[in-house]
């Protein structure tokens, strides 16, 4: 490629130029044009990005292979796209998949501890129907509270007995239905 060779640019059907490569690089640097502009090269229209990728790079030596065990250092600027590096860095971390603990009887169950604060809040606001016990995997106690609440409500006493029972559990219960301490 000689510096005197000139190319026509096109953007949205409007052709401009011809320009030498140095002028195209200047316009790119000044953000007057972008890599999405098309250039007439080898009798067809291609994007500037494809054009610069296809051009031979005079004066730029090809990088030698690093010795084994040495990682190459990435460059800050791309020679073909002329984009400035973004100050925004996104860190993505992937945690390994940890299998859930399996009970001694062989049944695979989630044995992570329950949160005591969630248990207490459920006991205060929805304890009269046993919601906090269902959360703590105490199914029978939760069902008994639900049935007691329904029975006392239908007899006209309201839900006060179930609610008092739930308040006592919210304060005193420390383990869930599997015997694991709540955190």
N, C-alpha and C. Protein backbone atom coordinates (compact mmCIF):
# COMPACT_ATOMS: atom_id res chain seq x y z
N UNK A 1 0.86 -1.17 0.00
CA UNK A 1 0.00 0.00 0.00
C UNK A 1 0.90 1.23 0.00
N UNK A 2 0.66 2.09 -0.92
CA UNK A 2 1.45 3.33 -0.93
C UNK A 2 0.64 4.43 -0.30
N UNK A 3 1.34 5.39 0.29
CA UNK A 3 0.67 6.50 0.97
C UNK A 3 -0.11 7.37 -0.02
N UNK A 4 0.28 7.34 -1.28
CA UNK A 4 -0.39 8.20 -2.26
C UNK A 4 -1.71 7.63 -2.74
N UNK A 5 -1.97 6.36 -2.44
CA UNK A 5 -3.23 5.76 -2.87
C UNK A 5 -4.37 6.38 -2.07
N UNK A 6 -5.47 6.71 -2.76
CA UNK A 6 -6.60 7.36 -2.11
C UNK A 6 -7.85 6.49 -2.23
N UNK A 7 -8.71 6.65 -1.22
CA UNK A 7 -9.90 5.80 -1.12
C UNK A 7 -11.13 6.68 -0.93
N UNK A 8 -12.27 6.19 -1.45
CA UNK A 8 -13.54 6.88 -1.30
C UNK A 8 -14.26 6.28 -0.10
N UNK A 9 -14.84 7.15 0.73
CA UNK A 9 -15.60 6.72 1.91
C UNK A 9 -17.09 6.87 1.64
N UNK A 10 -17.89 6.06 2.32
CA UNK A 10 -19.34 6.15 2.17
C UNK A 10 -19.99 5.99 3.54
N UNK A 11 -20.99 6.82 3.82
CA UNK A 11 -21.77 6.72 5.04
C UNK A 11 -23.22 7.00 4.69
N UNK A 12 -24.09 6.01 4.91
CA UNK A 12 -25.52 6.12 4.61
C UNK A 12 -25.77 6.54 3.17
N UNK A 13 -25.01 5.96 2.27
CA UNK A 13 -25.22 6.21 0.85
C UNK A 13 -24.53 7.44 0.30
N UNK A 14 -23.97 8.28 1.14
CA UNK A 14 -23.31 9.50 0.68
C UNK A 14 -21.80 9.25 0.60
N UNK A 15 -21.25 9.45 -0.60
CA UNK A 15 -19.82 9.21 -0.82
C UNK A 15 -19.04 10.50 -0.66
N UNK A 16 -17.87 10.39 -0.02
CA UNK A 16 -16.96 11.52 0.14
C UNK A 16 -15.55 11.04 -0.17
N UNK A 17 -14.69 11.96 -0.51
CA UNK A 17 -13.30 11.62 -0.76
C UNK A 17 -12.96 11.86 -2.21
N UNK A 18 -11.93 11.37 -2.66
CA UNK A 18 -11.04 10.36 -2.11
C UNK A 18 -10.05 10.94 -1.11
N UNK A 19 -9.62 10.08 -0.16
CA UNK A 19 -8.68 10.47 0.89
C UNK A 19 -7.54 9.47 0.94
N UNK A 20 -6.34 9.95 1.28
CA UNK A 20 -5.25 9.00 1.56
C UNK A 20 -5.47 8.38 2.95
N UNK A 21 -4.76 7.31 3.23
CA UNK A 21 -4.91 6.60 4.51
C UNK A 21 -4.56 7.51 5.68
N UNK A 22 -3.59 8.40 5.51
CA UNK A 22 -3.21 9.30 6.60
C UNK A 22 -4.38 10.23 6.97
N UNK A 23 -5.13 10.71 5.96
CA UNK A 23 -6.28 11.57 6.23
C UNK A 23 -7.41 10.77 6.89
N UNK A 24 -7.60 9.53 6.47
CA UNK A 24 -8.62 8.67 7.08
C UNK A 24 -8.27 8.44 8.55
N UNK A 25 -7.00 8.19 8.84
CA UNK A 25 -6.56 8.00 10.23
C UNK A 25 -6.78 9.27 11.05
N UNK A 26 -6.50 10.44 10.47
CA UNK A 26 -6.71 11.70 11.17
C UNK A 26 -8.19 11.89 11.49
N UNK A 27 -9.07 11.60 10.52
CA UNK A 27 -10.50 11.74 10.74
C UNK A 27 -10.99 10.77 11.82
N UNK A 28 -10.43 9.58 11.82
CA UNK A 28 -10.79 8.62 12.87
C UNK A 28 -10.34 9.12 14.23
N UNK A 29 -9.11 9.64 14.30
CA UNK A 29 -8.59 10.15 15.57
C UNK A 29 -9.41 11.34 16.08
N UNK A 30 -9.90 12.17 15.16
CA UNK A 30 -10.69 13.34 15.55
C UNK A 30 -12.18 13.01 15.67
N UNK A 31 -12.55 11.75 15.54
CA UNK A 31 -13.94 11.28 15.65
C UNK A 31 -14.84 11.94 14.63
N UNK A 32 -14.30 12.27 13.48
CA UNK A 32 -15.13 12.80 12.40
C UNK A 32 -15.81 11.65 11.65
N UNK A 33 -15.17 10.50 11.63
CA UNK A 33 -15.74 9.30 11.04
C UNK A 33 -15.56 8.17 12.04
N UNK A 34 -16.24 7.07 11.80
CA UNK A 34 -16.14 5.93 12.70
C UNK A 34 -15.79 4.67 11.94
N UNK A 35 -15.54 3.61 12.67
CA UNK A 35 -15.16 2.34 12.06
C UNK A 35 -16.30 1.71 11.28
N UNK A 36 -17.50 2.21 11.43
CA UNK A 36 -18.65 1.71 10.68
C UNK A 36 -18.77 2.31 9.29
N UNK A 37 -18.00 3.35 9.01
CA UNK A 37 -18.01 3.92 7.66
C UNK A 37 -17.51 2.88 6.68
N UNK A 38 -17.96 2.97 5.44
CA UNK A 38 -17.53 2.04 4.42
C UNK A 38 -16.48 2.69 3.55
N UNK A 39 -15.59 1.86 3.01
CA UNK A 39 -14.52 2.32 2.14
C UNK A 39 -14.52 1.44 0.90
N UNK A 40 -14.28 2.06 -0.25
CA UNK A 40 -14.22 1.30 -1.49
C UNK A 40 -12.81 0.77 -1.64
N UNK A 41 -12.66 -0.57 -1.50
CA UNK A 41 -11.35 -1.20 -1.49
C UNK A 41 -11.45 -2.51 -2.27
N UNK A 42 -10.56 -2.70 -3.23
CA UNK A 42 -10.52 -3.89 -4.07
C UNK A 42 -11.88 -4.16 -4.72
N UNK A 43 -12.45 -3.10 -5.27
CA UNK A 43 -13.68 -3.13 -6.05
C UNK A 43 -14.91 -3.58 -5.27
N UNK A 44 -14.94 -3.30 -3.96
CA UNK A 44 -16.15 -3.56 -3.16
C UNK A 44 -16.14 -2.65 -1.95
N UNK A 45 -17.32 -2.44 -1.37
CA UNK A 45 -17.47 -1.61 -0.18
C UNK A 45 -17.33 -2.50 1.05
N UNK A 46 -16.42 -2.12 1.94
CA UNK A 46 -16.23 -2.83 3.21
C UNK A 46 -16.14 -1.78 4.31
N UNK A 47 -16.31 -2.20 5.56
CA UNK A 47 -16.20 -1.25 6.66
C UNK A 47 -14.74 -0.89 6.89
N UNK A 48 -14.52 0.24 7.54
CA UNK A 48 -13.14 0.65 7.85
C UNK A 48 -12.46 -0.38 8.74
N UNK A 49 -13.23 -1.00 9.62
CA UNK A 49 -12.66 -2.01 10.50
C UNK A 49 -12.09 -3.17 9.68
N UNK A 50 -12.86 -3.64 8.70
CA UNK A 50 -12.38 -4.72 7.84
C UNK A 50 -11.20 -4.25 7.00
N UNK A 51 -11.24 -2.99 6.56
CA UNK A 51 -10.17 -2.43 5.75
C UNK A 51 -8.85 -2.42 6.51
N UNK A 52 -8.86 -1.91 7.74
CA UNK A 52 -7.62 -1.85 8.51
C UNK A 52 -7.14 -3.23 8.92
N UNK A 53 -8.05 -4.16 9.10
CA UNK A 53 -7.64 -5.52 9.44
C UNK A 53 -6.98 -6.19 8.23
N UNK A 54 -7.38 -5.82 7.01
CA UNK A 54 -6.84 -6.43 5.80
C UNK A 54 -5.53 -5.81 5.36
N UNK A 55 -5.24 -4.58 5.78
CA UNK A 55 -4.02 -3.90 5.35
C UNK A 55 -2.79 -4.49 6.01
N UNK A 56 -1.70 -4.62 5.26
CA UNK A 56 -0.44 -5.03 5.91
C UNK A 56 0.08 -3.89 6.78
N UNK A 57 0.71 -4.22 7.84
CA UNK A 57 1.20 -3.22 8.80
C UNK A 57 2.69 -2.99 8.57
N UNK A 58 3.07 -1.99 7.74
CA UNK A 58 4.50 -1.75 7.52
C UNK A 58 5.14 -1.14 8.76
N UNK A 59 6.33 -1.58 9.08
CA UNK A 59 7.07 -1.02 10.19
C UNK A 59 6.65 -1.56 11.54
N UNK A 60 5.60 -2.38 11.57
CA UNK A 60 5.17 -2.97 12.84
C UNK A 60 5.61 -4.43 12.83
N UNK A 61 6.59 -4.78 13.63
CA UNK A 61 7.06 -6.17 13.63
C UNK A 61 6.00 -7.08 14.25
N UNK A 62 5.96 -8.28 13.75
CA UNK A 62 5.05 -9.25 14.35
C UNK A 62 5.62 -9.68 15.69
N UNK A 63 4.80 -9.78 16.69
CA UNK A 63 5.32 -10.11 18.02
C UNK A 63 5.85 -11.54 18.04
N UNK A 64 6.97 -11.69 18.71
CA UNK A 64 7.56 -13.01 18.86
C UNK A 64 6.78 -13.77 19.92
N UNK A 65 6.82 -15.07 19.82
CA UNK A 65 6.15 -15.90 20.81
C UNK A 65 6.85 -15.76 22.15
N UNK A 66 6.12 -15.55 23.23
CA UNK A 66 6.77 -15.46 24.54
C UNK A 66 7.30 -16.83 24.94
N UNK A 67 8.28 -16.83 25.80
CA UNK A 67 8.80 -18.12 26.28
C UNK A 67 7.71 -18.89 27.02
N UNK A 68 7.82 -20.20 27.07
CA UNK A 68 6.80 -21.00 27.77
C UNK A 68 6.66 -20.56 29.23
N UNK A 69 5.44 -20.46 29.67
CA UNK A 69 5.17 -20.07 31.06
C UNK A 69 5.03 -18.58 31.26
N UNK A 70 5.29 -17.76 30.22
CA UNK A 70 5.17 -16.32 30.34
C UNK A 70 3.94 -15.88 29.56
N UNK A 71 3.07 -15.16 30.21
CA UNK A 71 1.84 -14.69 29.55
C UNK A 71 2.14 -13.38 28.85
N UNK A 72 1.61 -13.19 27.62
CA UNK A 72 1.83 -11.92 26.92
C UNK A 72 1.08 -10.79 27.62
N UNK A 73 1.65 -9.61 27.58
CA UNK A 73 1.04 -8.44 28.19
C UNK A 73 0.12 -7.79 27.17
N UNK A 74 -1.19 -7.60 27.47
CA UNK A 74 -2.08 -6.98 26.51
C UNK A 74 -1.72 -5.51 26.34
N UNK A 75 -1.90 -5.00 25.12
CA UNK A 75 -1.61 -3.61 24.85
C UNK A 75 -2.83 -2.76 25.16
N UNK A 76 -2.60 -1.48 25.42
CA UNK A 76 -3.69 -0.59 25.80
C UNK A 76 -4.50 -0.14 24.59
N UNK A 77 -3.87 -0.04 23.41
CA UNK A 77 -4.57 0.42 22.22
C UNK A 77 -4.54 -0.67 21.17
N UNK A 78 -5.60 -0.80 20.44
CA UNK A 78 -5.65 -1.75 19.36
C UNK A 78 -5.14 -1.08 18.10
N UNK A 79 -4.23 -1.73 17.38
CA UNK A 79 -3.64 -1.11 16.19
C UNK A 79 -4.63 -1.02 15.05
N UNK A 80 -5.65 -1.88 15.04
CA UNK A 80 -6.57 -1.88 13.91
C UNK A 80 -7.81 -1.03 14.15
N UNK A 81 -8.23 -0.85 15.37
CA UNK A 81 -9.49 -0.14 15.60
C UNK A 81 -9.30 1.29 16.08
N UNK A 82 -8.13 1.64 16.56
CA UNK A 82 -7.84 2.99 17.04
C UNK A 82 -8.84 3.44 18.11
N UNK A 83 -9.25 2.54 18.97
CA UNK A 83 -10.15 2.89 20.06
C UNK A 83 -9.34 3.12 21.32
N UNK A 84 -9.77 4.08 22.09
CA UNK A 84 -9.12 4.33 23.36
C UNK A 84 -9.67 3.33 24.37
N UNK A 85 -8.85 2.90 25.33
CA UNK A 85 -9.36 1.95 26.31
C UNK A 85 -10.41 2.60 27.20
N UNK A 86 -11.36 1.80 27.60
CA UNK A 86 -12.44 2.29 28.45
C UNK A 86 -11.97 2.31 29.91
N UNK A 87 -12.29 3.38 30.66
CA UNK A 87 -11.92 3.39 32.07
C UNK A 87 -12.80 2.44 32.89
N UNK A 88 -13.90 1.98 32.30
CA UNK A 88 -14.82 1.09 33.00
C UNK A 88 -14.29 -0.32 32.97
N UNK A 89 -14.09 -0.92 34.11
CA UNK A 89 -13.63 -2.29 34.20
C UNK A 89 -14.70 -3.08 34.94
N UNK A 90 -15.11 -4.17 34.37
CA UNK A 90 -16.12 -5.01 34.99
C UNK A 90 -15.44 -6.28 35.45
N UNK A 91 -15.61 -6.59 36.73
CA UNK A 91 -15.01 -7.79 37.29
C UNK A 91 -16.10 -8.84 37.41
N UNK A 92 -15.87 -9.97 36.81
CA UNK A 92 -16.81 -11.06 36.87
C UNK A 92 -16.17 -12.18 37.67
N UNK A 93 -16.85 -12.62 38.69
CA UNK A 93 -16.32 -13.72 39.47
C UNK A 93 -17.31 -14.87 39.40
N UNK A 94 -16.79 -16.05 39.27
CA UNK A 94 -17.61 -17.24 39.19
C UNK A 94 -17.26 -18.10 40.38
N UNK A 95 -18.27 -18.41 41.16
CA UNK A 95 -18.01 -19.25 42.32
C UNK A 95 -18.24 -20.71 41.92
N UNK A 96 -17.46 -21.59 42.47
CA UNK A 96 -17.62 -23.00 42.11
C UNK A 96 -18.94 -23.53 42.67
N UNK A 97 -19.48 -24.51 41.98
CA UNK A 97 -20.72 -25.13 42.42
C UNK A 97 -20.39 -26.06 43.58
N UNK A 98 -21.03 -25.80 44.70
CA UNK A 98 -20.81 -26.60 45.89
C UNK A 98 -22.05 -27.46 46.09
N UNK A 99 -21.89 -28.78 46.11
CA UNK A 99 -23.07 -29.62 46.31
C UNK A 99 -23.64 -29.43 47.71
N UNK A 100 -24.94 -29.54 47.80
CA UNK A 100 -25.59 -29.40 49.10
C UNK A 100 -25.24 -30.59 49.98
N UNK A 101 -25.17 -30.35 51.30
CA UNK A 101 -24.88 -31.47 52.19
C UNK A 101 -26.00 -32.51 52.12
N UNK A 102 -25.63 -33.77 52.24
CA UNK A 102 -26.60 -34.85 52.18
C UNK A 102 -26.79 -35.39 53.59
N UNK A 103 -28.03 -35.62 53.92
CA UNK A 103 -28.34 -36.16 55.24
C UNK A 103 -27.81 -37.57 55.39
N UNK A 104 -27.70 -38.03 56.63
CA UNK A 104 -27.17 -39.36 56.90
C UNK A 104 -28.06 -40.45 56.31
N UNK A 105 -29.35 -40.19 56.15
CA UNK A 105 -30.25 -41.21 55.60
C UNK A 105 -30.17 -41.28 54.08
N UNK A 106 -29.31 -40.45 53.45
CA UNK A 106 -29.10 -40.52 52.01
C UNK A 106 -29.99 -39.60 51.20
N UNK A 107 -30.97 -38.96 51.82
CA UNK A 107 -31.85 -38.06 51.08
C UNK A 107 -31.13 -36.73 50.89
N UNK A 108 -31.04 -36.28 49.65
CA UNK A 108 -30.39 -35.00 49.38
C UNK A 108 -31.32 -33.86 49.76
N UNK A 109 -30.95 -33.09 50.77
CA UNK A 109 -31.79 -31.97 51.21
C UNK A 109 -30.92 -30.76 51.46
N UNK A 110 -31.54 -29.64 51.38
CA UNK A 110 -30.86 -28.39 51.65
C UNK A 110 -30.72 -28.24 53.16
N UNK A 111 -29.50 -28.37 53.66
CA UNK A 111 -29.27 -28.30 55.10
C UNK A 111 -28.64 -26.99 55.52
N UNK A 112 -28.77 -25.95 54.68
CA UNK A 112 -28.24 -24.64 55.08
C UNK A 112 -29.06 -24.12 56.26
N UNK A 113 -28.42 -23.44 57.19
CA UNK A 113 -29.17 -22.93 58.35
C UNK A 113 -30.13 -21.82 57.95
N UNK A 114 -31.22 -21.74 58.66
CA UNK A 114 -32.22 -20.69 58.44
C UNK A 114 -31.81 -19.45 59.23
N UNK A 115 -32.36 -18.32 58.85
CA UNK A 115 -32.03 -17.06 59.52
C UNK A 115 -33.02 -16.81 60.66
N UNK A 116 -32.47 -16.56 61.83
CA UNK A 116 -33.30 -16.35 63.01
C UNK A 116 -34.14 -15.09 62.89
N UNK A 117 -33.60 -14.03 62.29
CA UNK A 117 -34.34 -12.79 62.12
C UNK A 117 -35.57 -13.00 61.24
N UNK A 118 -35.40 -13.74 60.15
CA UNK A 118 -36.55 -14.04 59.28
C UNK A 118 -37.58 -14.85 60.05
N UNK A 119 -37.12 -15.83 60.81
CA UNK A 119 -38.02 -16.66 61.63
C UNK A 119 -38.82 -15.79 62.60
N UNK A 120 -38.13 -14.87 63.28
CA UNK A 120 -38.81 -14.02 64.27
C UNK A 120 -39.80 -13.07 63.59
N UNK A 121 -39.42 -12.49 62.47
CA UNK A 121 -40.34 -11.57 61.77
C UNK A 121 -41.57 -12.31 61.24
N UNK A 122 -41.36 -13.50 60.72
CA UNK A 122 -42.51 -14.30 60.29
C UNK A 122 -43.38 -14.68 61.48
N UNK A 123 -42.75 -14.96 62.63
CA UNK A 123 -43.53 -15.28 63.83
C UNK A 123 -44.38 -14.11 64.29
N UNK A 124 -43.84 -12.89 64.20
CA UNK A 124 -44.58 -11.70 64.64
C UNK A 124 -45.73 -11.38 63.68
N UNK A 125 -45.45 -11.40 62.37
CA UNK A 125 -46.44 -10.92 61.41
C UNK A 125 -47.34 -12.01 60.82
N UNK A 126 -46.87 -13.25 60.75
CA UNK A 126 -47.69 -14.32 60.17
C UNK A 126 -47.64 -15.57 61.02
N UNK A 127 -47.25 -15.44 62.28
CA UNK A 127 -47.11 -16.59 63.15
C UNK A 127 -48.41 -17.26 63.50
N UNK A 128 -49.52 -16.54 63.48
CA UNK A 128 -50.80 -17.14 63.85
C UNK A 128 -51.22 -18.24 62.88
N UNK A 129 -50.66 -18.27 61.66
CA UNK A 129 -50.95 -19.36 60.73
C UNK A 129 -49.76 -20.32 60.63
N UNK A 130 -48.74 -20.14 61.45
CA UNK A 130 -47.61 -21.06 61.50
C UNK A 130 -46.57 -20.84 60.42
N UNK A 131 -46.58 -19.69 59.78
CA UNK A 131 -45.66 -19.44 58.67
C UNK A 131 -44.20 -19.56 59.10
N UNK A 132 -43.86 -19.09 60.28
CA UNK A 132 -42.49 -19.17 60.75
C UNK A 132 -42.04 -20.61 60.94
N UNK A 133 -42.94 -21.48 61.34
CA UNK A 133 -42.59 -22.89 61.50
C UNK A 133 -42.41 -23.58 60.16
N UNK A 134 -43.21 -23.21 59.18
CA UNK A 134 -43.00 -23.76 57.84
C UNK A 134 -41.63 -23.32 57.30
N UNK A 135 -41.26 -22.07 57.57
CA UNK A 135 -39.95 -21.57 57.15
C UNK A 135 -38.83 -22.37 57.82
N UNK A 136 -39.00 -22.72 59.08
CA UNK A 136 -37.97 -23.43 59.84
C UNK A 136 -38.05 -24.95 59.66
N UNK A 137 -38.85 -25.42 58.72
CA UNK A 137 -39.00 -26.85 58.42
C UNK A 137 -39.58 -27.64 59.60
N UNK A 138 -40.42 -26.98 60.35
CA UNK A 138 -41.14 -27.66 61.44
C UNK A 138 -42.59 -27.79 60.98
N UNK A 139 -42.81 -28.76 60.08
CA UNK A 139 -44.07 -28.88 59.37
C UNK A 139 -45.24 -29.20 60.29
N UNK A 140 -45.07 -30.12 61.21
CA UNK A 140 -46.17 -30.53 62.08
C UNK A 140 -46.60 -29.39 63.01
N UNK A 141 -45.64 -28.68 63.59
CA UNK A 141 -45.96 -27.55 64.46
C UNK A 141 -46.66 -26.45 63.68
N UNK A 142 -46.20 -26.18 62.47
CA UNK A 142 -46.84 -25.18 61.63
C UNK A 142 -48.27 -25.56 61.28
N UNK A 143 -48.47 -26.83 60.98
CA UNK A 143 -49.83 -27.30 60.66
C UNK A 143 -50.74 -27.21 61.88
N UNK A 144 -50.22 -27.57 63.06
CA UNK A 144 -51.02 -27.46 64.28
C UNK A 144 -51.41 -26.01 64.57
N UNK A 145 -50.48 -25.06 64.36
CA UNK A 145 -50.80 -23.65 64.58
C UNK A 145 -51.86 -23.17 63.58
N UNK A 146 -51.76 -23.61 62.36
CA UNK A 146 -52.74 -23.22 61.35
C UNK A 146 -54.12 -23.76 61.72
N UNK A 147 -54.20 -25.02 62.12
CA UNK A 147 -55.49 -25.60 62.49
C UNK A 147 -56.06 -24.96 63.75
N UNK A 148 -55.19 -24.65 64.74
CA UNK A 148 -55.65 -23.97 65.96
C UNK A 148 -56.18 -22.58 65.62
N UNK A 149 -55.52 -21.90 64.74
CA UNK A 149 -55.96 -20.57 64.35
C UNK A 149 -57.32 -20.61 63.67
N UNK A 150 -57.49 -21.56 62.78
CA UNK A 150 -58.78 -21.70 62.09
C UNK A 150 -59.88 -22.07 63.08
N UNK A 151 -59.59 -23.01 63.99
CA UNK A 151 -60.60 -23.47 64.95
C UNK A 151 -61.00 -22.34 65.90
N UNK A 152 -60.05 -21.62 66.46
CA UNK A 152 -60.41 -20.54 67.39
C UNK A 152 -61.11 -19.39 66.68
N UNK A 153 -60.77 -19.14 65.44
CA UNK A 153 -61.44 -18.08 64.68
C UNK A 153 -62.89 -18.46 64.42
N UNK A 154 -63.13 -19.73 64.05
CA UNK A 154 -64.50 -20.18 63.78
C UNK A 154 -65.34 -20.24 65.05
N UNK A 155 -64.71 -20.47 66.21
CA UNK A 155 -65.46 -20.49 67.48
C UNK A 155 -65.70 -19.10 68.03
N UNK A 156 -65.12 -18.09 67.37
CA UNK A 156 -65.36 -16.73 67.79
C UNK A 156 -64.33 -16.16 68.74
N UNK A 157 -63.28 -16.87 69.01
CA UNK A 157 -62.25 -16.39 69.92
C UNK A 157 -61.15 -15.59 69.20
N UNK A 158 -61.14 -15.61 67.89
CA UNK A 158 -60.11 -14.91 67.13
C UNK A 158 -58.85 -15.74 67.01
N UNK A 159 -57.73 -15.07 66.82
CA UNK A 159 -56.47 -15.78 66.59
C UNK A 159 -55.46 -15.51 67.70
N UNK A 160 -55.94 -15.04 68.83
CA UNK A 160 -55.03 -14.61 69.90
C UNK A 160 -54.20 -15.76 70.46
N UNK A 161 -54.78 -16.95 70.60
CA UNK A 161 -54.04 -18.08 71.18
C UNK A 161 -52.89 -18.48 70.27
N UNK A 162 -53.14 -18.59 68.97
CA UNK A 162 -52.08 -18.95 68.01
C UNK A 162 -51.02 -17.86 67.94
N UNK A 163 -51.45 -16.61 68.04
CA UNK A 163 -50.49 -15.52 67.95
C UNK A 163 -49.57 -15.50 69.17
N UNK A 164 -50.13 -15.72 70.37
CA UNK A 164 -49.30 -15.78 71.58
C UNK A 164 -48.31 -16.95 71.52
N UNK A 165 -48.77 -18.09 71.00
CA UNK A 165 -47.91 -19.25 70.82
C UNK A 165 -46.75 -18.88 69.88
N UNK A 166 -47.05 -18.18 68.79
CA UNK A 166 -46.03 -17.77 67.81
C UNK A 166 -45.03 -16.79 68.43
N UNK A 167 -45.52 -15.87 69.29
CA UNK A 167 -44.61 -14.91 69.94
C UNK A 167 -43.62 -15.64 70.84
N UNK A 168 -44.11 -16.64 71.57
CA UNK A 168 -43.23 -17.40 72.45
C UNK A 168 -42.18 -18.16 71.62
N UNK A 169 -42.59 -18.73 70.50
CA UNK A 169 -41.63 -19.45 69.66
C UNK A 169 -40.61 -18.49 69.03
N UNK A 170 -41.05 -17.30 68.65
CA UNK A 170 -40.14 -16.33 68.03
C UNK A 170 -39.03 -15.95 68.99
N UNK A 171 -39.31 -15.98 70.29
CA UNK A 171 -38.31 -15.62 71.29
C UNK A 171 -37.45 -16.81 71.69
N UNK A 172 -38.05 -17.98 71.88
CA UNK A 172 -37.34 -19.09 72.50
C UNK A 172 -36.76 -20.13 71.54
N UNK A 173 -37.30 -20.31 70.37
CA UNK A 173 -36.83 -21.37 69.47
C UNK A 173 -35.51 -20.95 68.82
N UNK A 174 -34.51 -21.84 68.88
CA UNK A 174 -33.19 -21.55 68.35
C UNK A 174 -32.77 -22.51 67.22
N UNK A 175 -33.46 -23.65 67.07
CA UNK A 175 -33.09 -24.64 66.07
C UNK A 175 -34.25 -24.86 65.10
N UNK A 176 -33.89 -25.25 63.86
CA UNK A 176 -34.94 -25.52 62.89
C UNK A 176 -35.39 -26.98 62.99
N UNK A 177 -36.22 -27.42 62.08
CA UNK A 177 -36.77 -28.77 62.14
C UNK A 177 -35.75 -29.87 61.95
N UNK A 178 -34.59 -29.58 61.38
CA UNK A 178 -33.54 -30.57 61.20
C UNK A 178 -32.52 -30.54 62.34
N UNK A 179 -32.77 -29.71 63.35
CA UNK A 179 -31.87 -29.62 64.49
C UNK A 179 -30.65 -28.74 64.26
N UNK A 180 -30.67 -27.93 63.22
CA UNK A 180 -29.56 -27.03 62.91
C UNK A 180 -29.82 -25.69 63.55
N UNK A 181 -28.81 -25.15 64.24
CA UNK A 181 -28.95 -23.84 64.87
C UNK A 181 -29.21 -22.76 63.81
N UNK A 182 -30.18 -21.88 64.08
CA UNK A 182 -30.45 -20.77 63.17
C UNK A 182 -29.40 -19.70 63.38
N UNK A 183 -29.05 -19.03 62.30
CA UNK A 183 -28.03 -17.98 62.41
C UNK A 183 -28.66 -16.62 62.44
